[in-house]
Amino acid sequence: MAKPLVPIIVKLGGSVVTYKDTLFKPNISVIDRLVKEILKANIESLIVVHGAGSYGHPVAMEYKINDGYKSPDQLIGFSKTRQAMMALNKIIIDAFIEQKLPAVSVQPSAFIVTDKGRIEGFDTTIIRKLLNLKMIPILYGDAVVDKTAGFSILSGDQIINKLAVTLRAEKIIFGIDIDGLFTDDPKRNPDAKFVEKITFEELQALFDKIGIADTIDVTGGMYGKISELIYILEKWDKAVIKIINAKQKNRLFNALIDETIICTEIRRR
């Protein structure tokens, strides 16, 4: 088989594909629109990773899955978290298939192992083969086996940083529910300033300022997201990262075809 084209990687955040304040409620209209924007953009090589939203996070929080194995009572919670993520993933896969886009679920917990919450084993053979076949691998945040802790929560953002560096992706798009990065949380601080363009060094400084978000997100919220972006830029200096508001119509489409949009753009320099 021919060598696959360098993929574009798209993250569909949990706050975009679900209603985060209602347990197990997908945002079907937004999911369908985003899939149609992907179809319209006609991308040759694409990987999609989606977040957990109101599916995985509340269950994982209830059973403290991210703390690792402490008690047999957590085992059913590990199962429930995995099952919740598979249910959300099916909804998203179904939306792609409805548009005749050949999306294929790739279950992270079936091929990724972590150690103390960080990816240790990561075999991209399946993903590369799917890209060769012009299919769209769709991954997601998941509950995975951990060498030290027994199990842990693996964020979609950590999956993306490994994919981006390993596959040398030059365009990574993060779809969230605000316009991009701000100097503070714009939902809490009306004086927070929007960041249109930012370098690696400036991103590190912002990382030190933001602190860990006080939310139900067991993967660390925006703080966790920025830490993974820093990892990408440390390891792969050709990456261009765009953080967009995927709840706004055509933002994803325009980002995919490189039209000018409201977003935060992050480069090494």
C-alpha atoms as a PDB file:
ATOM      1  CA  MET A   1       0.000   0.000   0.000  1.00  0.00           C
ATOM      2  CA  ALA A   2       1.064   3.557  -0.636  1.00  0.00           C
ATOM      3  CA  LYS A   3       2.269   5.718   2.192  1.00  0.00           C
ATOM      4  CA  PRO A   4      -0.747   7.596   3.676  1.00  0.00           C
ATOM      5  CA  LEU A   5      -1.101  11.327   3.278  1.00  0.00           C
ATOM      6  CA  VAL A   6      -0.289  13.390   6.350  1.00  0.00           C
ATOM      7  CA  PRO A   7      -3.633  13.568   8.171  1.00  0.00           C
ATOM      8  CA  ILE A   8      -5.499  16.536   9.519  1.00  0.00           C
ATOM      9  CA  ILE A   9      -6.511  15.862  13.115  1.00  0.00           C
ATOM     10  CA  VAL A  10      -9.805  17.225  14.436  1.00  0.00           C
ATOM     11  CA  LYS A  11     -10.890  17.180  18.074  1.00  0.00           C
ATOM     12  CA  LEU A  12     -14.599  17.520  18.770  1.00  0.00           C
ATOM     13  CA  GLY A  13     -14.819  18.542  22.400  1.00  0.00           C
ATOM     14  CA  GLY A  14     -17.238  16.952  24.827  1.00  0.00           C
ATOM     15  CA  SER A  15     -18.901  20.328  25.423  1.00  0.00           C
ATOM     16  CA  VAL A  16     -19.621  20.473  21.689  1.00  0.00           C
ATOM     17  CA  VAL A  17     -20.968  16.986  20.999  1.00  0.00           C
ATOM     18  CA  THR A  18     -22.972  16.677  24.235  1.00  0.00           C
ATOM     19  CA  TYR A  19     -24.959  18.818  26.636  1.00  0.00           C
ATOM     20  CA  LYS A  20     -22.529  18.690  29.550  1.00  0.00           C
ATOM     21  CA  ASP A  21     -25.156  19.629  32.143  1.00  0.00           C
ATOM     22  CA  THR A  22     -27.468  16.700  31.250  1.00  0.00           C
ATOM     23  CA  LEU A  23     -26.334  13.116  31.751  1.00  0.00           C
ATOM     24  CA  PHE A  24     -26.025  11.075  28.535  1.00  0.00           C
ATOM     25  CA  LYS A  25     -27.495  13.743  26.259  1.00  0.00           C
ATOM     26  CA  PRO A  26     -25.798  14.102  22.848  1.00  0.00           C
ATOM     27  CA  ASN A  27     -26.068  17.346  20.878  1.00  0.00           C
ATOM     28  CA  ILE A  28     -27.386  15.654  17.758  1.00  0.00           C
ATOM     29  CA  SER A  29     -27.972  18.824  15.718  1.00  0.00           C
ATOM     30  CA  VAL A  30     -24.388  20.001  16.274  1.00  0.00           C
ATOM     31  CA  ILE A  31     -22.924  16.550  15.580  1.00  0.00           C
ATOM     32  CA  ASP A  32     -24.849  16.320  12.303  1.00  0.00           C
ATOM     33  CA  ARG A  33     -23.804  19.819  11.241  1.00  0.00           C
ATOM     34  CA  LEU A  34     -20.128  19.187  11.984  1.00  0.00           C
ATOM     35  CA  VAL A  35     -20.154  15.953  10.005  1.00  0.00           C
ATOM     36  CA  LYS A  36     -21.729  17.787   7.061  1.00  0.00           C
ATOM     37  CA  GLU A  37     -19.004  20.454   7.288  1.00  0.00           C
ATOM     38  CA  ILE A  38     -16.370  17.701   7.187  1.00  0.00           C
ATOM     39  CA  LEU A  39     -18.092  16.189   4.151  1.00  0.00           C
ATOM     40  CA  LYS A  40     -18.181  19.567   2.399  1.00  0.00           C
ATOM     41  CA  ALA A  41     -14.474  20.197   3.102  1.00  0.00           C
ATOM     42  CA  ASN A  42     -13.569  16.973   1.235  1.00  0.00           C
ATOM     43  CA  ILE A  43     -10.427  16.193   3.228  1.00  0.00           C
ATOM     44  CA  GLU A  44      -8.164  13.479   1.810  1.00  0.00           C
ATOM     45  CA  SER A  45      -6.744  12.235   5.103  1.00  0.00           C
ATOM     46  CA  LEU A  46      -8.521  12.846   8.408  1.00  0.00           C
ATOM     47  CA  ILE A  47      -8.527  11.597  11.982  1.00  0.00           C
ATOM     48  CA  VAL A  48     -11.264  12.613  14.412  1.00  0.00           C
ATOM     49  CA  VAL A  49     -11.028  12.395  18.201  1.00  0.00           C
ATOM     50  CA  HIS A  50     -14.014  13.277  20.365  1.00  0.00           C
ATOM     51  CA  GLY A  51     -14.372  14.098  24.024  1.00  0.00           C
ATOM     52  CA  ALA A  52     -16.489  12.503  26.729  1.00  0.00           C
ATOM     53  CA  GLY A  53     -18.826  15.330  27.719  1.00  0.00           C
ATOM     54  CA  SER A  54     -21.856  14.196  29.700  1.00  0.00           C
ATOM     55  CA  TYR A  55     -21.171  10.536  28.908  1.00  0.00           C
ATOM     56  CA  GLY A  56     -17.772   9.617  30.333  1.00  0.00           C
ATOM     57  CA  HIS A  57     -16.888  12.399  32.764  1.00  0.00           C
ATOM     58  CA  PRO A  58     -19.746  12.100  35.303  1.00  0.00           C
ATOM     59  CA  VAL A  59     -19.379   8.313  35.556  1.00  0.00           C
ATOM     60  CA  ALA A  60     -15.602   8.481  35.860  1.00  0.00           C
ATOM     61  CA  MET A  61     -15.952  11.171  38.538  1.00  0.00           C
ATOM     62  CA  GLU A  62     -18.526   9.175  40.509  1.00  0.00           C
ATOM     63  CA  TYR A  63     -16.267   6.127  40.716  1.00  0.00           C
ATOM     64  CA  LYS A  64     -12.973   8.077  40.950  1.00  0.00           C
ATOM     65  CA  ILE A  65     -11.548   6.182  37.984  1.00  0.00           C
ATOM     66  CA  ASN A  66      -8.825   8.770  37.425  1.00  0.00           C
ATOM     67  CA  ASP A  67      -7.448   8.051  40.920  1.00  0.00           C
ATOM     68  CA  GLY A  68      -6.554   4.535  39.837  1.00  0.00           C
ATOM     69  CA  TYR A  69      -7.669   1.261  41.371  1.00  0.00           C
ATOM     70  CA  LYS A  70      -8.356   1.624  45.108  1.00  0.00           C
ATOM     71  CA  SER A  71     -11.373  -0.582  45.734  1.00  0.00           C
ATOM     72  CA  PRO A  72     -13.361  -3.395  44.069  1.00  0.00           C
ATOM     73  CA  ASP A  73     -16.341  -1.029  44.087  1.00  0.00           C
ATOM     74  CA  GLN A  74     -14.643   0.918  41.269  1.00  0.00           C
ATOM     75  CA  LEU A  75     -14.613  -2.007  38.856  1.00  0.00           C
ATOM     76  CA  ILE A  76     -18.226  -1.569  37.792  1.00  0.00           C
ATOM     77  CA  GLY A  77     -17.460   2.127  37.336  1.00  0.00           C
ATOM     78  CA  PHE A  78     -14.612   1.303  34.971  1.00  0.00           C
ATOM     79  CA  SER A  79     -17.023  -0.851  32.950  1.00  0.00           C
ATOM     80  CA  LYS A  80     -19.706   1.863  32.976  1.00  0.00           C
ATOM     81  CA  THR A  81     -17.238   4.529  31.837  1.00  0.00           C
ATOM     82  CA  ARG A  82     -16.077   2.403  28.916  1.00  0.00           C
ATOM     83  CA  GLN A  83     -19.655   1.570  27.977  1.00  0.00           C
ATOM     84  CA  ALA A  84     -20.708   5.233  28.114  1.00  0.00           C
ATOM     85  CA  MET A  85     -17.916   6.253  25.765  1.00  0.00           C
ATOM     86  CA  MET A  86     -18.750   3.479  23.323  1.00  0.00           C
ATOM     87  CA  ALA A  87     -22.378   4.666  23.298  1.00  0.00           C
ATOM     88  CA  LEU A  88     -21.373   8.255  22.450  1.00  0.00           C
ATOM     89  CA  ASN A  89     -18.892   7.046  19.862  1.00  0.00           C
ATOM     90  CA  LYS A  90     -21.623   5.034  18.126  1.00  0.00           C
ATOM     91  CA  ILE A  91     -23.811   8.132  17.842  1.00  0.00           C
ATOM     92  CA  ILE A  92     -20.968  10.029  16.195  1.00  0.00           C
ATOM     93  CA  ILE A  93     -20.022   7.141  13.900  1.00  0.00           C
ATOM     94  CA  ASP A  94     -23.659   6.823  12.843  1.00  0.00           C
ATOM     95  CA  ALA A  95     -23.697  10.512  11.862  1.00  0.00           C
ATOM     96  CA  PHE A  96     -20.672   9.980   9.588  1.00  0.00           C
ATOM     97  CA  ILE A  97     -22.158   6.875   8.002  1.00  0.00           C
ATOM     98  CA  GLU A  98     -25.422   8.739   7.398  1.00  0.00           C
ATOM     99  CA  GLN A  99     -23.404  11.130   5.183  1.00  0.00           C
ATOM    100  CA  LYS A 100     -21.685   8.158   3.516  1.00  0.00           C
ATOM    101  CA  LEU A 101     -18.351   9.009   5.100  1.00  0.00           C
ATOM    102  CA  PRO A 102     -16.362   5.814   5.878  1.00  0.00           C
ATOM    103  CA  ALA A 103     -15.729   6.428   9.571  1.00  0.00           C
ATOM    104  CA  VAL A 104     -14.412   3.587  11.720  1.00  0.00           C
ATOM    105  CA  SER A 105     -14.334   3.459  15.500  1.00  0.00           C
ATOM    106  CA  VAL A 106     -10.893   2.831  16.963  1.00  0.00           C
ATOM    107  CA  GLN A 107     -11.236   1.976  20.649  1.00  0.00           C
ATOM    108  CA  PRO A 108      -8.258   3.513  22.528  1.00  0.00           C
ATOM    109  CA  SER A 109      -8.509   1.099  25.468  1.00  0.00           C
ATOM    110  CA  ALA A 110      -7.956  -1.813  23.082  1.00  0.00           C
ATOM    111  CA  PHE A 111      -4.484  -0.690  21.999  1.00  0.00           C
ATOM    112  CA  ILE A 112      -3.221   2.006  24.407  1.00  0.00           C
ATOM    113  CA  VAL A 113      -1.642   1.388  27.808  1.00  0.00           C
ATOM    114  CA  THR A 114      -0.772   4.161  30.250  1.00  0.00           C
ATOM    115  CA  ASP A 115       1.676   4.345  33.150  1.00  0.00           C
ATOM    116  CA  LYS A 116       0.762   6.824  35.896  1.00  0.00           C
ATOM    117  CA  GLY A 117      -1.792   8.345  33.547  1.00  0.00           C
ATOM    118  CA  ARG A 118       0.567   8.939  30.619  1.00  0.00           C
ATOM    119  CA  ILE A 119       0.578   6.940  27.389  1.00  0.00           C
ATOM    120  CA  GLU A 120       3.308   4.307  27.305  1.00  0.00           C
ATOM    121  CA  GLY A 121       2.203   1.835  24.608  1.00  0.00           C
ATOM    122  CA  PHE A 122       0.824   3.367  21.416  1.00  0.00           C
ATOM    123  CA  ASP A 123       0.768   1.336  18.208  1.00  0.00           C
ATOM    124  CA  THR A 124      -0.488   3.352  15.221  1.00  0.00           C
ATOM    125  CA  THR A 125      -0.499   0.407  12.781  1.00  0.00           C
ATOM    126  CA  ILE A 126      -4.304   0.187  12.642  1.00  0.00           C
ATOM    127  CA  ILE A 127      -4.702   3.940  12.214  1.00  0.00           C
ATOM    128  CA  ARG A 128      -2.121   4.079   9.421  1.00  0.00           C
ATOM    129  CA  LYS A 129      -3.822   1.204   7.596  1.00  0.00           C
ATOM    130  CA  LEU A 130      -7.206   2.884   7.842  1.00  0.00           C
ATOM    131  CA  LEU A 131      -5.746   6.122   6.476  1.00  0.00           C
ATOM    132  CA  ASN A 132      -4.216   4.149   3.607  1.00  0.00           C
ATOM    133  CA  LEU A 133      -7.689   2.861   2.809  1.00  0.00           C
ATOM    134  CA  LYS A 134      -9.037   6.459   2.814  1.00  0.00           C
ATOM    135  CA  MET A 135     -11.134   5.745   5.882  1.00  0.00           C
ATOM    136  CA  ILE A 136     -11.652   8.082   8.841  1.00  0.00           C
ATOM    137  CA  PRO A 137     -10.435   6.694  12.186  1.00  0.00           C
ATOM    138  CA  ILE A 138     -12.515   8.042  15.055  1.00  0.00           C
ATOM    139  CA  LEU A 139     -11.048   7.792  18.541  1.00  0.00           C
ATOM    140  CA  TYR A 140     -12.187   9.142  21.900  1.00  0.00           C
ATOM    141  CA  GLY A 141     -11.224   9.732  25.497  1.00  0.00           C
ATOM    142  CA  ASP A 142     -11.423   6.413  27.314  1.00  0.00           C
ATOM    143  CA  ALA A 143     -10.859   4.471  30.524  1.00  0.00           C
ATOM    144  CA  VAL A 144      -7.701   2.411  29.990  1.00  0.00           C
ATOM    145  CA  VAL A 145      -5.449  -0.085  31.741  1.00  0.00           C
ATOM    146  CA  ASP A 146      -2.585   1.584  33.609  1.00  0.00           C
ATOM    147  CA  LYS A 147       0.625  -0.267  34.521  1.00  0.00           C
ATOM    148  CA  THR A 148       1.037   1.418  37.894  1.00  0.00           C
ATOM    149  CA  ALA A 149      -2.442   2.596  38.878  1.00  0.00           C
ATOM    150  CA  GLY A 150      -4.448  -0.357  37.536  1.00  0.00           C
ATOM    151  CA  PHE A 151      -6.554   1.917  35.371  1.00  0.00           C
ATOM    152  CA  SER A 152      -6.824   5.600  34.509  1.00  0.00           C
ATOM    153  CA  ILE A 153      -8.682   8.086  32.328  1.00  0.00           C
ATOM    154  CA  LEU A 154      -7.020   8.822  29.004  1.00  0.00           C
ATOM    155  CA  SER A 155      -8.037  12.181  27.561  1.00  0.00           C
ATOM    156  CA  GLY A 156      -8.702  12.736  23.884  1.00  0.00           C
ATOM    157  CA  ASP A 157      -6.185  15.585  24.045  1.00  0.00           C
ATOM    158  CA  GLN A 158      -3.391  13.229  25.116  1.00  0.00           C
ATOM    159  CA  ILE A 159      -4.330  10.884  22.271  1.00  0.00           C
ATOM    160  CA  ILE A 160      -4.090  13.808  19.853  1.00  0.00           C
ATOM    161  CA  ASN A 161      -0.637  14.827  21.007  1.00  0.00           C
ATOM    162  CA  LYS A 162       0.653  11.307  20.339  1.00  0.00           C
ATOM    163  CA  LEU A 163      -1.071  11.121  16.961  1.00  0.00           C
ATOM    164  CA  ALA A 164       0.173  14.557  15.908  1.00  0.00           C
ATOM    165  CA  VAL A 165       3.796  13.845  16.782  1.00  0.00           C
ATOM    166  CA  THR A 166       3.880  10.238  15.550  1.00  0.00           C
ATOM    167  CA  LEU A 167       2.099  10.912  12.243  1.00  0.00           C
ATOM    168  CA  ARG A 168       3.702  14.360  11.741  1.00  0.00           C
ATOM    169  CA  ALA A 169       0.353  16.097  11.388  1.00  0.00           C
ATOM    170  CA  GLU A 170       0.774  19.744  10.404  1.00  0.00           C
ATOM    171  CA  LYS A 171      -2.822  20.848  10.994  1.00  0.00           C
ATOM    172  CA  ILE A 172      -4.603  20.115  14.278  1.00  0.00           C
ATOM    173  CA  ILE A 173      -8.016  21.650  14.963  1.00  0.00           C
ATOM    174  CA  PHE A 174      -9.558  21.693  18.421  1.00  0.00           C
ATOM    175  CA  GLY A 175     -13.304  22.340  18.380  1.00  0.00           C
ATOM    176  CA  ILE A 176     -14.542  23.675  21.726  1.00  0.00           C
ATOM    177  CA  ASP A 177     -17.505  25.795  22.903  1.00  0.00           C
ATOM    178  CA  ILE A 178     -15.748  29.193  22.988  1.00  0.00           C
ATOM    179  CA  ASP A 179     -13.820  31.120  20.325  1.00  0.00           C
ATOM    180  CA  GLY A 180     -10.355  29.957  21.409  1.00  0.00           C
ATOM    181  CA  LEU A 181      -7.898  30.703  24.203  1.00  0.00           C
ATOM    182  CA  PHE A 182      -8.389  33.621  26.580  1.00  0.00           C
ATOM    183  CA  THR A 183      -6.140  35.127  29.237  1.00  0.00           C
ATOM    184  CA  ASP A 184      -8.645  33.830  31.812  1.00  0.00           C
ATOM    185  CA  ASP A 185     -11.901  31.872  31.840  1.00  0.00           C
ATOM    186  CA  PRO A 186     -14.286  34.085  29.786  1.00  0.00           C
ATOM    187  CA  LYS A 187     -17.302  32.337  31.320  1.00  0.00           C
ATOM    188  CA  ARG A 188     -16.280  33.638  34.737  1.00  0.00           C
ATOM    189  CA  ASN A 189     -14.228  36.731  34.013  1.00  0.00           C
ATOM    190  CA  PRO A 190     -15.756  39.282  31.594  1.00  0.00           C
ATOM    191  CA  ASP A 191     -12.390  41.036  31.388  1.00  0.00           C
ATOM    192  CA  ALA A 192     -10.651  37.965  29.944  1.00  0.00           C
ATOM    193  CA  LYS A 193      -8.939  38.879  26.676  1.00  0.00           C
ATOM    194  CA  PHE A 194      -9.126  36.749  23.546  1.00  0.00           C
ATOM    195  CA  VAL A 195      -5.804  35.399  22.245  1.00  0.00           C
ATOM    196  CA  GLU A 196      -5.759  35.407  18.438  1.00  0.00           C
ATOM    197  CA  LYS A 197      -2.187  34.177  17.872  1.00  0.00           C
ATOM    198  CA  ILE A 198       0.257  32.740  20.337  1.00  0.00           C
ATOM    199  CA  THR A 199       3.742  31.203  20.228  1.00  0.00           C
ATOM    200  CA  PHE A 200       5.073  28.225  22.119  1.00  0.00           C
ATOM    201  CA  GLU A 201       6.768  30.419  24.743  1.00  0.00           C
ATOM    202  CA  GLU A 202       3.649  32.546  25.238  1.00  0.00           C
ATOM    203  CA  LEU A 203       1.548  29.411  25.580  1.00  0.00           C
ATOM    204  CA  GLN A 204       3.800  28.153  28.356  1.00  0.00           C
ATOM    205  CA  ALA A 205       3.335  31.444  30.211  1.00  0.00           C
ATOM    206  CA  LEU A 206      -0.447  31.208  29.810  1.00  0.00           C
ATOM    207  CA  PHE A 207      -0.328  27.630  31.097  1.00  0.00           C
ATOM    208  CA  ASP A 208       1.337  28.836  34.305  1.00  0.00           C
ATOM    209  CA  LYS A 209      -1.353  31.496  34.769  1.00  0.00           C
ATOM    210  CA  ILE A 210      -4.590  29.608  34.106  1.00  0.00           C
ATOM    211  CA  GLY A 211      -4.451  26.912  36.782  1.00  0.00           C
ATOM    212  CA  ILE A 212      -6.593  23.793  36.915  1.00  0.00           C
ATOM    213  CA  ALA A 213     -10.204  24.390  35.906  1.00  0.00           C
ATOM    214  CA  ASP A 214     -12.820  23.838  38.627  1.00  0.00           C
ATOM    215  CA  THR A 215     -15.135  21.657  36.565  1.00  0.00           C
ATOM    216  CA  ILE A 216     -16.420  18.090  36.360  1.00  0.00           C
ATOM    217  CA  ASP A 217     -13.849  17.407  33.634  1.00  0.00           C
ATOM    218  CA  VAL A 218     -11.654  14.628  35.078  1.00  0.00           C
ATOM    219  CA  THR A 219      -9.009  15.277  32.412  1.00  0.00           C
ATOM    220  CA  GLY A 220      -8.099  18.734  33.691  1.00  0.00           C
ATOM    221  CA  GLY A 221     -10.218  21.090  31.595  1.00  0.00           C
ATOM    222  CA  MET A 222      -8.434  23.858  29.711  1.00  0.00           C
ATOM    223  CA  TYR A 223      -5.337  23.434  31.886  1.00  0.00           C
ATOM    224  CA  GLY A 224      -4.997  19.842  30.705  1.00  0.00           C
ATOM    225  CA  LYS A 225      -5.636  20.865  27.100  1.00  0.00           C
ATOM    226  CA  ILE A 226      -2.859  23.484  27.126  1.00  0.00           C
ATOM    227  CA  SER A 227      -0.392  21.042  28.659  1.00  0.00           C
ATOM    228  CA  GLU A 228      -0.995  18.658  25.743  1.00  0.00           C
ATOM    229  CA  LEU A 229      -0.623  21.476  23.197  1.00  0.00           C
ATOM    230  CA  ILE A 230       2.757  22.320  24.729  1.00  0.00           C
ATOM    231  CA  TYR A 231       3.813  18.691  24.311  1.00  0.00           C
ATOM    232  CA  ILE A 232       2.933  18.748  20.595  1.00  0.00           C
ATOM    233  CA  LEU A 233       4.919  21.924  19.946  1.00  0.00           C
ATOM    234  CA  GLU A 234       7.891  20.672  21.972  1.00  0.00           C
ATOM    235  CA  LYS A 235       8.129  17.502  19.884  1.00  0.00           C
ATOM    236  CA  TRP A 236       6.948  18.688  16.447  1.00  0.00           C
ATOM    237  CA  ASP A 237       7.801  22.225  15.378  1.00  0.00           C
ATOM    238  CA  LYS A 238       5.813  22.168  12.104  1.00  0.00           C
ATOM    239  CA  ALA A 239       2.464  21.716  13.839  1.00  0.00           C
ATOM    240  CA  VAL A 240      -0.095  24.487  13.407  1.00  0.00           C
ATOM    241  CA  ILE A 241      -2.854  24.256  15.994  1.00  0.00           C
ATOM    242  CA  LYS A 242      -6.173  26.074  15.723  1.00  0.00           C
ATOM    243  CA  ILE A 243      -8.662  26.291  18.561  1.00  0.00           C
ATOM    244  CA  ILE A 244     -12.109  27.116  17.221  1.00  0.00           C
ATOM    245  CA  ASN A 245     -15.682  27.488  18.435  1.00  0.00           C
ATOM    246  CA  ALA A 246     -17.223  24.409  16.844  1.00  0.00           C
ATOM    247  CA  LYS A 247     -20.672  25.439  18.015  1.00  0.00           C
ATOM    248  CA  GLN A 248     -20.618  28.245  15.464  1.00  0.00           C
ATOM    249  CA  LYS A 249     -21.780  27.304  11.981  1.00  0.00           C
ATOM    250  CA  ASN A 250     -19.024  26.783   9.366  1.00  0.00           C
ATOM    251  CA  ARG A 251     -16.129  27.447  11.762  1.00  0.00           C
ATOM    252  CA  LEU A 252     -14.922  23.866  11.353  1.00  0.00           C
ATOM    253  CA  PHE A 253     -15.446  23.878   7.593  1.00  0.00           C
ATOM    254  CA  ASN A 254     -13.501  27.116   7.156  1.00  0.00           C
ATOM    255  CA  ALA A 255     -10.710  25.917   9.439  1.00  0.00           C
ATOM    256  CA  LEU A 256     -10.394  22.731   7.385  1.00  0.00           C
ATOM    257  CA  ILE A 257     -10.047  24.657   4.096  1.00  0.00           C
ATOM    258  CA  ASP A 258      -7.803  27.363   5.620  1.00  0.00           C
ATOM    259  CA  GLU A 259     -10.248  30.252   5.370  1.00  0.00           C
ATOM    260  CA  THR A 260      -9.744  33.118   7.826  1.00  0.00           C
ATOM    261  CA  ILE A 261     -11.913  32.664  10.909  1.00  0.00           C
ATOM    262  CA  ILE A 262     -12.129  33.723  14.523  1.00  0.00           C
ATOM    263  CA  CYS A 263      -9.855  31.299  16.346  1.00  0.00           C
ATOM    264  CA  THR A 264      -6.644  30.986  18.315  1.00  0.00           C
ATOM    265  CA  GLU A 265      -3.706  29.927  16.165  1.00  0.00           C
ATOM    266  CA  ILE A 266      -0.674  28.399  17.846  1.00  0.00           C
ATOM    267  CA  ARG A 267       2.723  27.881  16.241  1.00  0.00           C
ATOM    268  CA  ARG A 268       6.179  27.061  17.551  1.00  0.00           C
ATOM    269  CA  ARG A 269       7.439  30.548  16.638  1.00  0.00           C
END
